[in-house]
Structure formats: C-alpha cells, structure tokens
C-alpha cells in the first residue's frame, strides 16, 4: 500500500483556483479538502490518475464559485509518496 503525506496551505480565495490547478498538475495528489477560516469543511474531492479535462471541469467550476465567496481558507492535500 502506498504511503501518503498531508500538506496544509492557508490561502486567500482569489488564489484558490490557481493553487488547486497547480496541485492537480503535480499528479501525486489523492484528495483535496477545502476548509474555511473557522475549520468548517467546504468541499472535498478525490483525485485519481487520469482525472483531467472535461471530467474535472465541473470541480474546477465549483472551486471557482467557492473562491468568489470565501476570504481566507485552508487547503488540506493528501499526497501519495513515490
């Protein structure tokens, strides 16, 4: 079973979509959770190998809408180690 690590980023809403795209492009991300500044979970989505393009577009649209509504948020990233 592959080993996983977790990373946390504090980010402002306007930078949220850009950061999510960067993380997805890394390729080793298994799950992303977005929380507001109080720690309330706003969105969680799993990523599997090959999730790109049209399949991922609705998730990015939802993240973009969320970014417009939140000020500061936290991104929790679960990554698979090589």
N, C-alpha and C. Protein backbone atom coordinates (compact mmCIF):
# COMPACT_ATOMS: atom_id res chain seq x y z
N UNK A 1 0.85 -1.18 0.00
CA UNK A 1 0.00 0.00 0.00
C UNK A 1 0.89 1.25 0.00
N UNK A 2 0.63 2.19 -0.89
CA UNK A 2 1.46 3.40 -0.95
C UNK A 2 1.33 4.26 0.30
N UNK A 3 2.41 4.89 0.66
CA UNK A 3 2.43 5.77 1.81
C UNK A 3 1.90 7.14 1.40
N UNK A 4 1.14 7.79 2.29
CA UNK A 4 0.60 9.11 1.99
C UNK A 4 1.14 10.14 2.97
N UNK A 5 1.19 11.38 2.51
CA UNK A 5 1.56 12.50 3.36
C UNK A 5 0.49 13.57 3.22
N UNK A 6 0.39 14.42 4.22
CA UNK A 6 -0.58 15.51 4.20
C UNK A 6 0.14 16.85 4.25
N UNK A 7 -0.36 17.79 3.48
CA UNK A 7 0.14 19.16 3.49
C UNK A 7 -1.04 20.10 3.68
N UNK A 8 -0.79 21.23 4.31
CA UNK A 8 -1.84 22.23 4.51
C UNK A 8 -1.34 23.58 4.03
N UNK A 9 -2.20 24.29 3.30
CA UNK A 9 -1.88 25.62 2.78
C UNK A 9 -2.96 26.58 3.23
N UNK A 10 -2.57 27.73 3.75
CA UNK A 10 -3.51 28.81 4.02
C UNK A 10 -3.44 29.75 2.83
N UNK A 11 -4.61 30.10 2.30
CA UNK A 11 -4.63 30.84 1.05
C UNK A 11 -5.86 31.75 1.01
N UNK A 12 -5.77 32.81 0.25
CA UNK A 12 -6.92 33.71 0.07
C UNK A 12 -7.75 33.22 -1.10
N UNK A 13 -9.04 33.48 -1.05
CA UNK A 13 -9.98 32.99 -2.04
C UNK A 13 -9.60 33.22 -3.48
N UNK A 14 -9.05 34.41 -3.78
CA UNK A 14 -8.73 34.72 -5.18
C UNK A 14 -7.59 33.86 -5.72
N UNK A 15 -6.79 33.26 -4.84
CA UNK A 15 -5.68 32.41 -5.26
C UNK A 15 -6.04 30.92 -5.23
N UNK A 16 -7.25 30.62 -4.76
CA UNK A 16 -7.66 29.24 -4.55
C UNK A 16 -7.64 28.42 -5.84
N UNK A 17 -8.28 28.89 -6.88
CA UNK A 17 -8.37 28.13 -8.12
C UNK A 17 -6.99 27.86 -8.72
N UNK A 18 -6.13 28.86 -8.69
CA UNK A 18 -4.78 28.71 -9.22
C UNK A 18 -4.02 27.62 -8.46
N UNK A 19 -4.12 27.63 -7.14
CA UNK A 19 -3.43 26.64 -6.31
C UNK A 19 -3.96 25.24 -6.56
N UNK A 20 -5.28 25.10 -6.70
CA UNK A 20 -5.87 23.79 -6.96
C UNK A 20 -5.35 23.24 -8.29
N UNK A 21 -5.30 24.09 -9.31
CA UNK A 21 -4.79 23.65 -10.62
C UNK A 21 -3.33 23.21 -10.51
N UNK A 22 -2.52 23.94 -9.75
CA UNK A 22 -1.12 23.57 -9.55
C UNK A 22 -1.01 22.20 -8.89
N UNK A 23 -1.82 21.99 -7.86
CA UNK A 23 -1.78 20.72 -7.13
C UNK A 23 -2.21 19.55 -8.02
N UNK A 24 -3.23 19.75 -8.81
CA UNK A 24 -3.70 18.70 -9.72
C UNK A 24 -2.62 18.35 -10.73
N UNK A 25 -1.91 19.36 -11.23
CA UNK A 25 -0.86 19.12 -12.22
C UNK A 25 0.34 18.37 -11.65
N UNK A 26 0.51 18.39 -10.33
CA UNK A 26 1.61 17.64 -9.71
C UNK A 26 1.45 16.14 -9.94
N UNK A 27 0.21 15.68 -9.99
CA UNK A 27 -0.04 14.28 -10.33
C UNK A 27 -0.04 13.29 -9.18
N UNK A 28 0.52 13.63 -8.03
CA UNK A 28 0.57 12.67 -6.93
C UNK A 28 -0.44 12.98 -5.83
N UNK A 29 -1.38 13.87 -6.10
CA UNK A 29 -2.38 14.26 -5.11
C UNK A 29 -3.53 13.28 -5.16
N UNK A 30 -3.93 12.76 -3.99
CA UNK A 30 -5.02 11.80 -3.91
C UNK A 30 -6.35 12.44 -3.52
N UNK A 31 -6.27 13.46 -2.64
CA UNK A 31 -7.50 14.09 -2.16
C UNK A 31 -7.21 15.52 -1.76
N UNK A 32 -8.17 16.42 -2.04
CA UNK A 32 -8.06 17.82 -1.65
C UNK A 32 -9.29 18.19 -0.84
N UNK A 33 -9.07 18.82 0.30
CA UNK A 33 -10.15 19.30 1.15
C UNK A 33 -9.98 20.80 1.34
N UNK A 34 -11.05 21.54 1.17
CA UNK A 34 -11.02 22.99 1.35
C UNK A 34 -11.86 23.33 2.57
N UNK A 35 -11.27 24.07 3.51
CA UNK A 35 -11.96 24.48 4.74
C UNK A 35 -11.95 25.99 4.85
N UNK A 36 -12.98 26.53 5.51
CA UNK A 36 -12.99 27.98 5.73
C UNK A 36 -12.09 28.31 6.92
N UNK A 37 -11.99 29.61 7.25
CA UNK A 37 -11.06 30.03 8.30
C UNK A 37 -11.44 29.53 9.68
N UNK A 38 -12.69 29.08 9.86
CA UNK A 38 -13.10 28.52 11.15
C UNK A 38 -12.86 27.03 11.23
N UNK A 39 -12.44 26.42 10.11
CA UNK A 39 -12.17 24.99 10.08
C UNK A 39 -13.32 24.16 9.55
N UNK A 40 -14.40 24.82 9.14
CA UNK A 40 -15.55 24.10 8.59
C UNK A 40 -15.21 23.61 7.18
N UNK A 41 -15.46 22.33 6.92
CA UNK A 41 -15.18 21.76 5.62
C UNK A 41 -16.17 22.27 4.59
N UNK A 42 -15.65 22.86 3.53
CA UNK A 42 -16.50 23.41 2.48
C UNK A 42 -16.61 22.47 1.28
N UNK A 43 -15.52 21.77 0.97
CA UNK A 43 -15.51 20.91 -0.20
C UNK A 43 -14.39 19.88 -0.06
N UNK A 44 -14.66 18.64 -0.47
CA UNK A 44 -13.64 17.60 -0.54
C UNK A 44 -13.82 16.87 -1.85
N UNK A 45 -12.72 16.63 -2.53
CA UNK A 45 -12.83 15.83 -3.74
C UNK A 45 -11.60 14.96 -3.91
N UNK A 46 -11.84 13.69 -4.25
CA UNK A 46 -10.73 12.77 -4.50
C UNK A 46 -10.19 12.97 -5.91
N UNK A 47 -8.93 12.69 -6.08
CA UNK A 47 -8.32 12.75 -7.40
C UNK A 47 -7.74 11.37 -7.71
N UNK A 48 -8.00 10.89 -8.89
CA UNK A 48 -7.44 9.63 -9.33
C UNK A 48 -6.60 9.89 -10.56
N UNK A 49 -5.72 8.99 -10.85
CA UNK A 49 -4.85 9.13 -12.01
C UNK A 49 -5.71 9.27 -13.26
N UNK A 50 -5.43 10.24 -14.07
CA UNK A 50 -6.16 10.44 -15.31
C UNK A 50 -7.36 11.36 -15.21
N UNK A 51 -7.59 11.96 -14.03
CA UNK A 51 -8.71 12.88 -13.89
C UNK A 51 -8.26 14.25 -14.38
N UNK A 52 -8.58 14.54 -15.61
CA UNK A 52 -8.23 15.82 -16.22
C UNK A 52 -9.31 16.24 -17.20
N UNK A 53 -9.15 17.42 -17.74
CA UNK A 53 -10.03 17.88 -18.81
C UNK A 53 -11.48 17.97 -18.44
N UNK A 54 -12.32 17.44 -19.33
CA UNK A 54 -13.77 17.58 -19.19
C UNK A 54 -14.30 16.93 -17.92
N UNK A 55 -13.67 15.87 -17.46
CA UNK A 55 -14.13 15.19 -16.25
C UNK A 55 -13.93 16.08 -15.02
N UNK A 56 -12.84 16.84 -15.02
CA UNK A 56 -12.50 17.65 -13.86
C UNK A 56 -13.08 19.07 -13.94
N UNK A 57 -13.57 19.47 -15.10
CA UNK A 57 -14.09 20.82 -15.31
C UNK A 57 -15.19 21.22 -14.32
N UNK A 58 -16.17 20.36 -14.02
CA UNK A 58 -17.20 20.76 -13.04
C UNK A 58 -16.64 21.03 -11.65
N UNK A 59 -15.61 20.29 -11.26
CA UNK A 59 -14.99 20.51 -9.95
C UNK A 59 -14.30 21.87 -9.95
N UNK A 60 -13.59 22.19 -11.02
CA UNK A 60 -12.92 23.50 -11.09
C UNK A 60 -13.94 24.64 -11.10
N UNK A 61 -15.07 24.43 -11.74
CA UNK A 61 -16.12 25.46 -11.74
C UNK A 61 -16.65 25.68 -10.32
N UNK A 62 -16.83 24.60 -9.59
CA UNK A 62 -17.29 24.71 -8.20
C UNK A 62 -16.25 25.39 -7.32
N UNK A 63 -14.98 25.07 -7.53
CA UNK A 63 -13.90 25.71 -6.77
C UNK A 63 -13.85 27.20 -7.10
N UNK A 64 -14.04 27.55 -8.37
CA UNK A 64 -14.06 28.96 -8.77
C UNK A 64 -15.18 29.72 -8.09
N UNK A 65 -16.36 29.12 -8.02
CA UNK A 65 -17.50 29.75 -7.35
C UNK A 65 -17.23 29.90 -5.86
N UNK A 66 -16.64 28.87 -5.27
CA UNK A 66 -16.30 28.92 -3.85
C UNK A 66 -15.27 30.02 -3.57
N UNK A 67 -14.30 30.15 -4.45
CA UNK A 67 -13.25 31.16 -4.28
C UNK A 67 -13.84 32.56 -4.24
N UNK A 68 -14.92 32.77 -5.00
CA UNK A 68 -15.56 34.09 -5.02
C UNK A 68 -16.27 34.39 -3.71
N UNK A 69 -16.61 33.36 -2.96
CA UNK A 69 -17.39 33.54 -1.73
C UNK A 69 -16.56 33.58 -0.45
N UNK A 70 -15.40 32.93 -0.46
CA UNK A 70 -14.61 32.86 0.77
C UNK A 70 -13.47 33.86 0.74
N UNK A 71 -13.09 34.33 1.89
CA UNK A 71 -11.94 35.21 2.00
C UNK A 71 -10.70 34.37 2.17
N UNK A 72 -10.47 33.94 3.38
CA UNK A 72 -9.31 33.12 3.68
C UNK A 72 -9.77 31.69 3.88
N UNK A 73 -8.99 30.75 3.37
CA UNK A 73 -9.35 29.35 3.53
C UNK A 73 -8.09 28.51 3.66
N UNK A 74 -8.29 27.24 3.97
CA UNK A 74 -7.20 26.29 4.12
C UNK A 74 -7.41 25.15 3.15
N UNK A 75 -6.36 24.75 2.48
CA UNK A 75 -6.41 23.60 1.60
C UNK A 75 -5.61 22.49 2.27
N UNK A 76 -6.25 21.34 2.47
CA UNK A 76 -5.56 20.17 3.00
C UNK A 76 -5.38 19.21 1.84
N UNK A 77 -4.14 18.78 1.62
CA UNK A 77 -3.80 17.95 0.48
C UNK A 77 -3.24 16.63 0.95
N UNK A 78 -3.81 15.54 0.47
CA UNK A 78 -3.27 14.21 0.74
C UNK A 78 -2.52 13.76 -0.49
N UNK A 79 -1.22 13.50 -0.32
CA UNK A 79 -0.37 13.12 -1.45
C UNK A 79 0.13 11.70 -1.27
N UNK A 80 0.35 11.06 -2.40
CA UNK A 80 0.91 9.71 -2.41
C UNK A 80 2.40 9.84 -2.63
N UNK A 81 3.18 9.21 -1.75
CA UNK A 81 4.63 9.26 -1.89
C UNK A 81 5.10 8.22 -2.88
N UNK A 82 6.14 8.55 -3.63
CA UNK A 82 6.68 7.61 -4.62
C UNK A 82 7.46 6.52 -3.94
